[in-house]
Amino acid sequence: MWELEKIAKVLKYRMLKSEEGLDNKPSILFCGMDSYQKRDLHSEAKKAGFKPVYSMKHPSIKVLMQRSSSRKIETDKYKTTTIDIEHFWYMCRHLL
């Protein structure tokens, strides 16, 4: 979980910078869910300090609804971090 802690530190830093007006809020995109789940998760993301979006090419975080044994945290060349829903809940409850 140290990787999630590292990601949370970077996001918290970006949130502080956005409050000062020096950076944009980190954006978050939810994939693989129905509209009711997305609406609920958008409200949780707003409480945590994210800017939830419905469609975006390169968000800061992309949350996938997957229940697989391989829970990888991936970062692509555009610095989009892909996590699953369990990692999102862990970050919201314990780190942010």
C-alpha atoms as a PDB file:
ATOM      1  CA  MET A   1       0.000   0.000   0.000  1.00  0.00           C
ATOM      2  CA  TRP A   2       3.005   2.312   0.028  1.00  0.00           C
ATOM      3  CA  GLU A   3       2.355   3.077  -3.632  1.00  0.00           C
ATOM      4  CA  LEU A   4      -1.123   4.358  -2.758  1.00  0.00           C
ATOM      5  CA  GLU A   5       0.375   6.482   0.003  1.00  0.00           C
ATOM      6  CA  LYS A   6       2.816   7.990  -2.489  1.00  0.00           C
ATOM      7  CA  ILE A   7      -0.015   8.741  -4.941  1.00  0.00           C
ATOM      8  CA  ALA A   8      -2.100  10.261  -2.140  1.00  0.00           C
ATOM      9  CA  LYS A   9       0.767  12.573  -1.126  1.00  0.00           C
ATOM     10  CA  VAL A  10       1.093  13.856  -4.687  1.00  0.00           C
ATOM     11  CA  LEU A  11      -2.671  14.355  -4.956  1.00  0.00           C
ATOM     12  CA  LYS A  12      -2.841  16.127  -1.607  1.00  0.00           C
ATOM     13  CA  TYR A  13      -0.026  18.443  -2.743  1.00  0.00           C
ATOM     14  CA  ARG A  14      -1.892  19.198  -5.989  1.00  0.00           C
ATOM     15  CA  MET A  15      -5.089  19.896  -4.025  1.00  0.00           C
ATOM     16  CA  LEU A  16      -3.248  22.366  -1.801  1.00  0.00           C
ATOM     17  CA  LYS A  17      -1.765  24.077  -4.862  1.00  0.00           C
ATOM     18  CA  SER A  18      -5.215  24.277  -6.477  1.00  0.00           C
ATOM     19  CA  GLU A  19      -6.595  26.030  -3.397  1.00  0.00           C
ATOM     20  CA  GLU A  20      -3.856  28.629  -3.797  1.00  0.00           C
ATOM     21  CA  GLY A  21      -4.717  28.974  -7.486  1.00  0.00           C
ATOM     22  CA  LEU A  22      -1.393  27.628  -8.750  1.00  0.00           C
ATOM     23  CA  ASP A  23      -2.602  24.304 -10.183  1.00  0.00           C
ATOM     24  CA  ASN A  24      -5.783  22.578 -11.347  1.00  0.00           C
ATOM     25  CA  LYS A  25      -7.701  20.178  -9.130  1.00  0.00           C
ATOM     26  CA  PRO A  26      -6.870  16.531  -9.811  1.00  0.00           C
ATOM     27  CA  SER A  27      -9.516  15.043 -12.089  1.00  0.00           C
ATOM     28  CA  ILE A  28     -11.044  11.610 -11.603  1.00  0.00           C
ATOM     29  CA  LEU A  29     -12.866   9.414 -14.119  1.00  0.00           C
ATOM     30  CA  PHE A  30     -14.979   6.380 -13.200  1.00  0.00           C
ATOM     31  CA  CYS A  31     -15.254   3.586 -15.802  1.00  0.00           C
ATOM     32  CA  GLY A  32     -17.354   0.437 -16.035  1.00  0.00           C
ATOM     33  CA  MET A  33     -20.259   1.554 -13.841  1.00  0.00           C
ATOM     34  CA  ASP A  34     -23.842   2.556 -14.390  1.00  0.00           C
ATOM     35  CA  SER A  35     -24.972   6.164 -14.070  1.00  0.00           C
ATOM     36  CA  TYR A  36     -26.340   5.771 -10.534  1.00  0.00           C
ATOM     37  CA  GLN A  37     -23.040   4.434  -9.223  1.00  0.00           C
ATOM     38  CA  LYS A  38     -21.148   7.192 -11.010  1.00  0.00           C
ATOM     39  CA  ARG A  39     -23.366   9.859  -9.492  1.00  0.00           C
ATOM     40  CA  ASP A  40     -22.772   8.518  -5.986  1.00  0.00           C
ATOM     41  CA  LEU A  41     -19.039   8.196  -6.557  1.00  0.00           C
ATOM     42  CA  HIS A  42     -18.856  11.713  -7.999  1.00  0.00           C
ATOM     43  CA  SER A  43     -20.264  13.121  -4.772  1.00  0.00           C
ATOM     44  CA  GLU A  44     -17.708  11.134  -2.749  1.00  0.00           C
ATOM     45  CA  ALA A  45     -14.912  12.345  -5.022  1.00  0.00           C
ATOM     46  CA  LYS A  46     -16.006  15.966  -4.569  1.00  0.00           C
ATOM     47  CA  LYS A  47     -15.907  15.512  -0.789  1.00  0.00           C
ATOM     48  CA  ALA A  48     -12.350  14.192  -1.071  1.00  0.00           C
ATOM     49  CA  GLY A  49     -11.304  17.215  -3.167  1.00  0.00           C
ATOM     50  CA  PHE A  50     -11.248  15.775  -6.690  1.00  0.00           C
ATOM     51  CA  LYS A  51     -12.812  17.223  -9.823  1.00  0.00           C
ATOM     52  CA  PRO A  52     -15.033  14.400 -11.145  1.00  0.00           C
ATOM     53  CA  VAL A  53     -15.469  14.224 -14.923  1.00  0.00           C
ATOM     54  CA  TYR A  54     -17.683  12.088 -17.145  1.00  0.00           C
ATOM     55  CA  SER A  55     -15.331  11.989 -20.117  1.00  0.00           C
ATOM     56  CA  MET A  56     -11.755  13.132 -20.474  1.00  0.00           C
ATOM     57  CA  LYS A  57      -8.771  11.907 -22.445  1.00  0.00           C
ATOM     58  CA  HIS A  58      -6.147  12.104 -19.715  1.00  0.00           C
ATOM     59  CA  PRO A  59      -7.556  12.438 -16.184  1.00  0.00           C
ATOM     60  CA  SER A  60      -5.315  12.390 -13.118  1.00  0.00           C
ATOM     61  CA  ILE A  61      -6.942   9.194 -11.829  1.00  0.00           C
ATOM     62  CA  LYS A  62      -8.996   6.590 -13.653  1.00  0.00           C
ATOM     63  CA  VAL A  63     -11.035   4.250 -11.444  1.00  0.00           C
ATOM     64  CA  LEU A  64     -12.082   0.925 -12.953  1.00  0.00           C
ATOM     65  CA  MET A  65     -14.850  -1.273 -11.636  1.00  0.00           C
ATOM     66  CA  GLN A  66     -13.017  -4.575 -11.631  1.00  0.00           C
ATOM     67  CA  ARG A  67     -12.995  -7.481  -9.263  1.00  0.00           C
ATOM     68  CA  SER A  68      -9.945  -9.414 -10.309  1.00  0.00           C
ATOM     69  CA  SER A  69      -7.088 -11.010  -8.465  1.00  0.00           C
ATOM     70  CA  SER A  70      -4.529  -8.738 -10.129  1.00  0.00           C
ATOM     71  CA  ARG A  71      -5.101  -5.337  -8.594  1.00  0.00           C
ATOM     72  CA  LYS A  72      -2.422  -3.408 -10.380  1.00  0.00           C
ATOM     73  CA  ILE A  73      -1.845   0.294 -10.062  1.00  0.00           C
ATOM     74  CA  GLU A  74      -0.700   1.508 -13.452  1.00  0.00           C
ATOM     75  CA  THR A  75       0.543   4.872 -14.674  1.00  0.00           C
ATOM     76  CA  ASP A  76       0.689   5.620 -18.392  1.00  0.00           C
ATOM     77  CA  LYS A  77       2.844   8.083 -20.315  1.00  0.00           C
ATOM     78  CA  TYR A  78       0.295  10.875 -19.753  1.00  0.00           C
ATOM     79  CA  LYS A  79       0.600  10.388 -15.955  1.00  0.00           C
ATOM     80  CA  THR A  80      -2.896   8.949 -15.647  1.00  0.00           C
ATOM     81  CA  THR A  81      -3.012   6.572 -12.695  1.00  0.00           C
ATOM     82  CA  THR A  82      -5.389   3.631 -13.138  1.00  0.00           C
ATOM     83  CA  ILE A  83      -6.699   2.044  -9.942  1.00  0.00           C
ATOM     84  CA  ASP A  84      -9.632  -0.162  -9.025  1.00  0.00           C
ATOM     85  CA  ILE A  85     -12.601   0.794  -6.876  1.00  0.00           C
ATOM     86  CA  GLU A  86     -11.173  -0.768  -3.701  1.00  0.00           C
ATOM     87  CA  HIS A  87      -8.047   1.392  -3.973  1.00  0.00           C
ATOM     88  CA  PHE A  88     -10.233   4.475  -4.458  1.00  0.00           C
ATOM     89  CA  TRP A  89     -12.178   3.753  -1.269  1.00  0.00           C
ATOM     90  CA  TYR A  90      -8.963   3.102   0.641  1.00  0.00           C
ATOM     91  CA  MET A  91      -7.481   6.405  -0.519  1.00  0.00           C
ATOM     92  CA  CYS A  92     -10.626   8.373   0.327  1.00  0.00           C
ATOM     93  CA  ARG A  93     -11.053   6.882   3.784  1.00  0.00           C
ATOM     94  CA  HIS A  94      -7.494   6.582   5.017  1.00  0.00           C
ATOM     95  CA  LEU A  95      -5.197   8.859   3.073  1.00  0.00           C
ATOM     96  CA  LEU A  96      -7.019  11.992   1.919  1.00  0.00           C
END
